[in-house]
Amino acid sequence: MSTRGVIARQINNREVEYLYSHWDNYLEYNGVILQEHYNTKEKVDALFAKNRGISSLARSVEKTNFYEEEGEAIKRCPLNFLNTRADGCWAEYIYVFTLKGEWKYREIWSIPKDNGEWALGWSRFKSLAKAVEKTLQNNQSA
């Protein structure tokens, strides 16, 4: 089973561009890769330059497995609508590269309602650098 996600870059104070990412979007994998290997605007731009959705993210663009379909993979929306866009692809994580050049992330979850439908819930945006540091410390002590 996949852990789906959305990888976004902030393009101004109100809008983002984003790509769908299918596999391994949990903090311990894609979170670490984004923080450690896509930590500059140039590297993030290179990831978006393919204009394709991501099947599995790797430590370099060259080794990243992109979907075959070309073009139109990059979507654009207001930052405050990103949660609903992510819900459309069942994303569990949203990663945003900010204008300040830092990664933020948010967890998304679905909550079952009494009528059989689902409600969307999410955490606030948090520092990916801090989460990755904590994750790596926990892995070393285990």
N, C-alpha and C. Protein backbone atom coordinates (compact mmCIF):
# COMPACT_ATOMS: atom_id res chain seq x y z
N MET A 1 0.84 -1.18 0.00
CA MET A 1 0.00 0.00 0.00
C MET A 1 0.88 1.24 0.00
N SER A 2 0.49 2.22 -0.74
CA SER A 2 1.30 3.43 -0.87
C SER A 2 0.96 4.44 0.22
N THR A 3 1.92 5.29 0.51
CA THR A 3 1.69 6.46 1.36
C THR A 3 1.81 7.66 0.43
N ARG A 4 0.68 8.15 -0.01
CA ARG A 4 0.64 9.20 -1.03
C ARG A 4 0.94 10.56 -0.44
N GLY A 5 1.41 11.46 -1.30
CA GLY A 5 1.72 12.79 -0.85
C GLY A 5 1.67 13.82 -1.96
N VAL A 6 1.80 15.05 -1.55
CA VAL A 6 1.88 16.19 -2.45
C VAL A 6 3.16 16.93 -2.12
N ILE A 7 3.94 17.23 -3.15
CA ILE A 7 5.16 18.02 -2.99
C ILE A 7 4.91 19.35 -3.69
N ALA A 8 5.05 20.43 -2.94
CA ALA A 8 4.70 21.76 -3.45
C ALA A 8 5.86 22.73 -3.28
N ARG A 9 5.82 23.76 -4.11
CA ARG A 9 6.75 24.88 -3.93
C ARG A 9 5.93 26.16 -3.93
N GLN A 10 6.24 27.01 -3.00
CA GLN A 10 5.52 28.28 -2.87
C GLN A 10 6.03 29.21 -3.96
N ILE A 11 5.12 29.83 -4.72
CA ILE A 11 5.54 30.72 -5.80
C ILE A 11 5.31 32.19 -5.47
N ASN A 12 4.48 32.46 -4.49
CA ASN A 12 4.32 33.80 -3.94
C ASN A 12 3.67 33.63 -2.57
N ASN A 13 3.29 34.72 -1.93
CA ASN A 13 2.75 34.62 -0.57
C ASN A 13 1.42 33.87 -0.48
N ARG A 14 0.75 33.71 -1.61
CA ARG A 14 -0.58 33.12 -1.57
C ARG A 14 -0.74 31.83 -2.37
N GLU A 15 0.20 31.52 -3.27
CA GLU A 15 0.00 30.39 -4.17
C GLU A 15 1.16 29.40 -4.14
N VAL A 16 0.81 28.16 -4.49
CA VAL A 16 1.81 27.10 -4.62
C VAL A 16 1.59 26.38 -5.95
N GLU A 17 2.65 25.73 -6.40
CA GLU A 17 2.57 24.74 -7.46
C GLU A 17 2.86 23.40 -6.81
N TYR A 18 2.19 22.35 -7.25
CA TYR A 18 2.39 21.07 -6.58
C TYR A 18 2.37 19.91 -7.56
N LEU A 19 3.00 18.82 -7.14
CA LEU A 19 3.05 17.56 -7.87
C LEU A 19 2.54 16.44 -6.97
N TYR A 20 1.91 15.47 -7.56
CA TYR A 20 1.51 14.26 -6.85
C TYR A 20 2.72 13.35 -6.70
N SER A 21 2.85 12.72 -5.55
CA SER A 21 3.92 11.75 -5.29
C SER A 21 3.27 10.50 -4.70
N HIS A 22 3.53 9.34 -5.30
CA HIS A 22 2.77 8.13 -4.94
C HIS A 22 3.35 7.33 -3.77
N TRP A 23 4.62 6.97 -3.82
CA TRP A 23 5.17 6.03 -2.85
C TRP A 23 5.97 6.71 -1.74
N ASP A 24 5.88 6.16 -0.53
CA ASP A 24 6.81 6.44 0.58
C ASP A 24 6.88 7.90 1.03
N ASN A 25 5.75 8.56 1.12
CA ASN A 25 5.75 9.98 1.49
C ASN A 25 5.79 10.23 2.99
N TYR A 26 5.96 9.19 3.79
CA TYR A 26 6.08 9.38 5.23
C TYR A 26 7.39 10.11 5.55
N LEU A 27 7.45 10.69 6.74
CA LEU A 27 8.60 11.53 7.14
C LEU A 27 9.93 10.79 7.05
N GLU A 28 9.94 9.53 7.46
CA GLU A 28 11.19 8.77 7.55
C GLU A 28 11.80 8.48 6.19
N TYR A 29 11.05 8.66 5.12
CA TYR A 29 11.59 8.39 3.78
C TYR A 29 11.60 9.67 2.94
N ASN A 30 10.47 10.01 2.31
CA ASN A 30 10.46 11.21 1.46
C ASN A 30 10.75 12.48 2.25
N GLY A 31 10.30 12.55 3.49
CA GLY A 31 10.61 13.72 4.30
C GLY A 31 12.11 13.91 4.44
N VAL A 32 12.82 12.82 4.74
CA VAL A 32 14.28 12.88 4.88
C VAL A 32 14.93 13.23 3.54
N ILE A 33 14.47 12.60 2.47
CA ILE A 33 15.06 12.87 1.14
C ILE A 33 14.87 14.33 0.76
N LEU A 34 13.68 14.87 0.93
CA LEU A 34 13.44 16.27 0.58
C LEU A 34 14.33 17.20 1.40
N GLN A 35 14.39 16.97 2.70
CA GLN A 35 15.16 17.84 3.58
C GLN A 35 16.66 17.78 3.28
N GLU A 36 17.17 16.59 3.03
CA GLU A 36 18.61 16.42 2.87
C GLU A 36 19.11 16.58 1.43
N HIS A 37 18.26 16.33 0.44
CA HIS A 37 18.74 16.30 -0.94
C HIS A 37 18.07 17.32 -1.87
N TYR A 38 16.98 17.90 -1.45
CA TYR A 38 16.30 18.93 -2.25
C TYR A 38 16.16 20.18 -1.38
N ASN A 39 17.29 20.67 -0.92
CA ASN A 39 17.31 21.73 0.08
C ASN A 39 17.67 23.10 -0.48
N THR A 40 17.64 23.25 -1.80
CA THR A 40 17.84 24.56 -2.42
C THR A 40 16.74 24.78 -3.46
N LYS A 41 16.50 26.03 -3.79
CA LYS A 41 15.50 26.36 -4.81
C LYS A 41 15.84 25.69 -6.13
N GLU A 42 17.12 25.67 -6.47
CA GLU A 42 17.54 25.08 -7.75
C GLU A 42 17.22 23.58 -7.81
N LYS A 43 17.43 22.88 -6.71
CA LYS A 43 17.15 21.44 -6.69
C LYS A 43 15.64 21.17 -6.73
N VAL A 44 14.88 22.00 -6.04
CA VAL A 44 13.41 21.85 -6.08
C VAL A 44 12.90 22.17 -7.48
N ASP A 45 13.44 23.23 -8.08
CA ASP A 45 13.04 23.58 -9.45
C ASP A 45 13.36 22.46 -10.43
N ALA A 46 14.49 21.79 -10.24
CA ALA A 46 14.86 20.66 -11.11
C ALA A 46 13.85 19.52 -10.98
N LEU A 47 13.35 19.30 -9.78
CA LEU A 47 12.34 18.26 -9.56
C LEU A 47 11.05 18.60 -10.31
N PHE A 48 10.70 19.87 -10.32
CA PHE A 48 9.48 20.32 -11.00
C PHE A 48 9.67 20.45 -12.51
N ALA A 49 10.91 20.57 -12.97
CA ALA A 49 11.19 20.80 -14.39
C ALA A 49 10.69 19.66 -15.27
N LYS A 50 10.61 18.47 -14.74
CA LYS A 50 10.12 17.31 -15.51
C LYS A 50 8.63 17.44 -15.85
N ASN A 51 7.90 18.22 -15.04
CA ASN A 51 6.46 18.42 -15.21
C ASN A 51 5.72 17.08 -15.28
N ARG A 52 6.12 16.17 -14.40
CA ARG A 52 5.49 14.85 -14.32
C ARG A 52 5.25 14.50 -12.86
N GLY A 53 4.21 13.73 -12.61
CA GLY A 53 3.99 13.22 -11.27
C GLY A 53 5.11 12.27 -10.89
N ILE A 54 5.29 12.08 -9.60
CA ILE A 54 6.39 11.27 -9.09
C ILE A 54 5.84 9.93 -8.61
N SER A 55 6.41 8.86 -9.16
CA SER A 55 6.06 7.53 -8.66
C SER A 55 6.85 7.27 -7.38
N SER A 56 8.18 7.36 -7.47
CA SER A 56 9.00 7.21 -6.26
C SER A 56 10.16 8.20 -6.31
N LEU A 57 10.30 8.94 -5.24
CA LEU A 57 11.32 9.97 -5.11
C LEU A 57 12.66 9.33 -4.76
N ALA A 58 13.74 9.84 -5.37
CA ALA A 58 15.09 9.38 -5.05
C ALA A 58 15.93 10.57 -4.62
N ARG A 59 17.15 10.30 -4.23
CA ARG A 59 18.05 11.35 -3.74
C ARG A 59 18.49 12.31 -4.83
N SER A 60 18.26 11.98 -6.07
CA SER A 60 18.57 12.89 -7.18
C SER A 60 17.42 12.84 -8.19
N VAL A 61 17.28 13.90 -8.97
CA VAL A 61 16.25 13.94 -10.00
C VAL A 61 16.49 12.83 -11.01
N GLU A 62 17.75 12.58 -11.33
CA GLU A 62 18.10 11.57 -12.33
C GLU A 62 17.63 10.17 -11.93
N LYS A 63 17.61 9.88 -10.66
CA LYS A 63 17.21 8.55 -10.19
C LYS A 63 15.75 8.48 -9.75
N THR A 64 15.08 9.63 -9.71
CA THR A 64 13.66 9.67 -9.33
C THR A 64 12.83 9.01 -10.42
N ASN A 65 11.86 8.23 -10.02
CA ASN A 65 10.98 7.53 -10.96
C ASN A 65 9.73 8.39 -11.18
N PHE A 66 9.66 9.02 -12.36
CA PHE A 66 8.53 9.87 -12.73
C PHE A 66 7.53 9.05 -13.54
N TYR A 67 6.27 9.50 -13.53
CA TYR A 67 5.28 8.88 -14.39
C TYR A 67 5.60 9.20 -15.85
N GLU A 68 5.16 8.34 -16.76
CA GLU A 68 5.49 8.49 -18.18
C GLU A 68 4.77 9.65 -18.85
N GLU A 69 3.55 9.94 -18.43
CA GLU A 69 2.78 11.00 -19.08
C GLU A 69 3.52 12.32 -18.99
N GLU A 70 3.60 13.03 -20.09
CA GLU A 70 4.31 14.31 -20.10
C GLU A 70 3.34 15.46 -19.94
N GLY A 71 3.83 16.53 -19.34
CA GLY A 71 3.10 17.79 -19.28
C GLY A 71 1.90 17.80 -18.37
N GLU A 72 1.52 18.97 -17.95
CA GLU A 72 0.31 19.22 -17.16
C GLU A 72 0.30 18.55 -15.79
N ALA A 73 1.41 18.02 -15.34
CA ALA A 73 1.43 17.39 -14.01
C ALA A 73 1.46 18.43 -12.91
N ILE A 74 2.09 19.57 -13.19
CA ILE A 74 2.17 20.63 -12.18
C ILE A 74 0.82 21.32 -12.09
N LYS A 75 0.30 21.37 -10.89
CA LYS A 75 -0.96 22.06 -10.62
C LYS A 75 -0.65 23.30 -9.79
N ARG A 76 -1.56 24.26 -9.84
CA ARG A 76 -1.37 25.50 -9.10
C ARG A 76 -2.65 25.79 -8.31
N CYS A 77 -2.50 26.26 -7.08
CA CYS A 77 -3.67 26.61 -6.28
C CYS A 77 -3.26 27.56 -5.16
N PRO A 78 -4.24 28.22 -4.55
CA PRO A 78 -3.93 29.02 -3.36
C PRO A 78 -3.42 28.11 -2.25
N LEU A 79 -2.48 28.60 -1.48
CA LEU A 79 -1.89 27.81 -0.39
C LEU A 79 -2.95 27.27 0.55
N ASN A 80 -3.96 28.07 0.86
CA ASN A 80 -4.98 27.62 1.81
C ASN A 80 -5.95 26.59 1.21
N PHE A 81 -5.87 26.31 -0.10
CA PHE A 81 -6.70 25.27 -0.72
C PHE A 81 -5.93 23.97 -0.92
N LEU A 82 -4.65 23.95 -0.55
CA LEU A 82 -3.82 22.78 -0.81
C LEU A 82 -4.35 21.53 -0.10
N ASN A 83 -4.95 21.69 1.06
CA ASN A 83 -5.51 20.53 1.78
C ASN A 83 -6.57 19.81 0.95
N THR A 84 -7.47 20.57 0.35
CA THR A 84 -8.53 19.94 -0.43
C THR A 84 -7.99 19.33 -1.71
N ARG A 85 -6.98 19.93 -2.30
CA ARG A 85 -6.35 19.34 -3.49
C ARG A 85 -5.67 18.02 -3.11
N ALA A 86 -5.01 18.01 -1.98
CA ALA A 86 -4.32 16.79 -1.52
C ALA A 86 -5.33 15.69 -1.23
N ASP A 87 -6.49 16.05 -0.71
CA ASP A 87 -7.51 15.05 -0.42
C ASP A 87 -7.99 14.37 -1.69
N GLY A 88 -7.97 15.08 -2.80
CA GLY A 88 -8.42 14.52 -4.07
C GLY A 88 -7.57 13.35 -4.54
N CYS A 89 -6.35 13.25 -4.06
CA CYS A 89 -5.48 12.12 -4.45
C CYS A 89 -5.17 11.23 -3.24
N TRP A 90 -5.92 11.39 -2.17
CA TRP A 90 -5.76 10.60 -0.94
C TRP A 90 -4.38 10.78 -0.32
N ALA A 91 -3.83 11.98 -0.42
CA ALA A 91 -2.51 12.25 0.15
C ALA A 91 -2.57 12.21 1.67
N GLU A 92 -1.50 11.70 2.26
CA GLU A 92 -1.37 11.66 3.71
C GLU A 92 -0.37 12.68 4.22
N TYR A 93 0.45 13.19 3.31
CA TYR A 93 1.44 14.21 3.67
C TYR A 93 1.48 15.28 2.59
N ILE A 94 1.67 16.52 3.03
CA ILE A 94 1.92 17.65 2.14
C ILE A 94 3.27 18.24 2.53
N TYR A 95 4.14 18.41 1.55
CA TYR A 95 5.44 19.05 1.76
C TYR A 95 5.47 20.33 0.93
N VAL A 96 5.85 21.45 1.55
CA VAL A 96 5.91 22.73 0.85
C VAL A 96 7.29 23.35 1.03
N PHE A 97 7.95 23.66 -0.09
CA PHE A 97 9.21 24.39 -0.07
C PHE A 97 8.84 25.87 -0.09
N THR A 98 9.14 26.59 0.98
CA THR A 98 8.66 27.96 1.16
C THR A 98 9.53 28.98 0.44
N LEU A 99 9.05 30.20 0.39
CA LEU A 99 9.81 31.31 -0.20
C LEU A 99 11.09 31.58 0.59
N LYS A 100 11.12 31.18 1.85
CA LYS A 100 12.31 31.35 2.69
C LYS A 100 13.33 30.24 2.47
N GLY A 101 13.02 29.29 1.60
CA GLY A 101 13.95 28.21 1.29
C GLY A 101 13.99 27.11 2.32
N GLU A 102 12.87 26.88 2.99
CA GLU A 102 12.81 25.79 3.97
C GLU A 102 11.58 24.93 3.70
N TRP A 103 11.69 23.68 4.08
CA TRP A 103 10.58 22.75 3.91
C TRP A 103 9.67 22.79 5.13
N LYS A 104 8.37 22.80 4.87
CA LYS A 104 7.33 22.63 5.89
C LYS A 104 6.51 21.40 5.48
N TYR A 105 5.90 20.77 6.45
CA TYR A 105 5.06 19.63 6.12
C TYR A 105 3.80 19.65 6.97
N ARG A 106 2.83 18.91 6.50
CA ARG A 106 1.54 18.77 7.19
C ARG A 106 1.06 17.35 6.96
N GLU A 107 0.50 16.76 8.00
CA GLU A 107 -0.12 15.43 7.88
C GLU A 107 -1.61 15.60 7.61
N ILE A 108 -2.15 14.73 6.78
CA ILE A 108 -3.57 14.75 6.42
C ILE A 108 -4.17 13.40 6.82
N TRP A 109 -5.38 13.41 7.31
CA TRP A 109 -6.04 12.14 7.62
C TRP A 109 -7.53 12.27 7.35
N SER A 110 -8.15 11.13 7.15
CA SER A 110 -9.60 11.07 6.94
C SER A 110 -10.25 10.52 8.20
N ILE A 111 -11.36 11.14 8.57
CA ILE A 111 -12.08 10.76 9.78
C ILE A 111 -13.46 10.26 9.37
N PRO A 112 -13.81 9.01 9.72
CA PRO A 112 -15.14 8.50 9.34
C PRO A 112 -16.24 9.22 10.11
N LYS A 113 -17.31 9.55 9.39
CA LYS A 113 -18.47 10.18 10.01
C LYS A 113 -19.56 9.12 10.21
N ASP A 114 -20.53 9.43 11.05
CA ASP A 114 -21.61 8.48 11.35
C ASP A 114 -22.42 8.10 10.12
N ASN A 115 -22.51 8.98 9.14
CA ASN A 115 -23.33 8.71 7.96
C ASN A 115 -22.58 7.93 6.87
N GLY A 116 -21.37 7.45 7.18
CA GLY A 116 -20.61 6.67 6.22
C GLY A 116 -19.68 7.49 5.35
N GLU A 117 -19.79 8.81 5.42
CA GLU A 117 -18.90 9.67 4.66
C GLU A 117 -17.63 9.92 5.47
N TRP A 118 -16.72 10.66 4.88
CA TRP A 118 -15.44 10.94 5.53
C TRP A 118 -15.23 12.44 5.64
N ALA A 119 -14.64 12.85 6.74
CA ALA A 119 -14.25 14.25 6.93
C ALA A 119 -12.72 14.32 6.86
N LEU A 120 -12.22 15.45 6.44
CA LEU A 120 -10.79 15.65 6.29
C LEU A 120 -10.23 16.36 7.52
N GLY A 121 -9.11 15.87 8.04
CA GLY A 121 -8.42 16.51 9.15
C GLY A 121 -6.97 16.72 8.79
N TRP A 122 -6.33 17.69 9.42
CA TRP A 122 -4.92 17.93 9.13
C TRP A 122 -4.24 18.63 10.29
N SER A 123 -2.93 18.45 10.35
CA SER A 123 -2.12 19.13 11.36
C SER A 123 -1.75 20.51 10.83
N ARG A 124 -1.20 21.33 11.69
CA ARG A 124 -0.67 22.61 11.21
C ARG A 124 0.64 22.34 10.47
N PHE A 125 1.10 23.30 9.68
CA PHE A 125 2.39 23.13 9.02
C PHE A 125 3.50 23.20 10.06
N LYS A 126 4.44 22.28 9.94
CA LYS A 126 5.56 22.18 10.88
C LYS A 126 6.87 22.20 10.11
N SER A 127 7.94 22.47 10.82
CA SER A 127 9.28 22.47 10.23
C SER A 127 9.71 21.04 9.89
N LEU A 128 10.02 20.82 8.63
CA LEU A 128 10.50 19.50 8.23
C LEU A 128 11.90 19.25 8.79
N ALA A 129 12.72 20.29 8.86
CA ALA A 129 14.08 20.14 9.39
C ALA A 129 14.05 19.58 10.81
N LYS A 130 13.18 20.11 11.65
CA LYS A 130 13.08 19.64 13.03
C LYS A 130 12.56 18.20 13.09
N ALA A 131 11.58 17.89 12.27
CA ALA A 131 11.01 16.54 12.27
C ALA A 131 12.04 15.52 11.78
N VAL A 132 12.80 15.88 10.76
CA VAL A 132 13.83 14.96 10.23
C VAL A 132 14.93 14.77 11.26
N GLU A 133 15.34 15.85 11.91
CA GLU A 133 16.38 15.73 12.95
C GLU A 133 15.93 14.77 14.05
N LYS A 134 14.70 14.92 14.49
CA LYS A 134 14.16 14.04 15.53
C LYS A 134 14.07 12.60 15.02
N THR A 135 13.63 12.41 13.79
CA THR A 135 13.53 11.08 13.20
C THR A 135 14.89 10.40 13.13
N LEU A 136 15.90 11.13 12.68
CA LEU A 136 17.24 10.55 12.57
C LEU A 136 17.82 10.23 13.94
N GLN A 137 17.56 11.08 14.94
CA GLN A 137 18.02 10.79 16.31
C GLN A 137 17.36 9.53 16.84
N ASN A 138 16.06 9.39 16.61
CA ASN A 138 15.34 8.20 17.07
C ASN A 138 15.86 6.94 16.39
N ASN A 139 16.19 7.03 15.11
CA ASN A 139 16.72 5.87 14.38
C ASN A 139 18.10 5.47 14.89
N GLN A 140 18.91 6.45 15.30
CA GLN A 140 20.25 6.15 15.80
C GLN A 140 20.20 5.50 17.18
N SER A 141 19.21 5.90 17.98
CA SER A 141 19.12 5.35 19.34
C SER A 141 18.40 4.00 19.38
N ALA A 142 17.78 3.64 18.29
CA ALA A 142 17.04 2.36 18.26
C ALA A 142 17.96 1.17 18.01
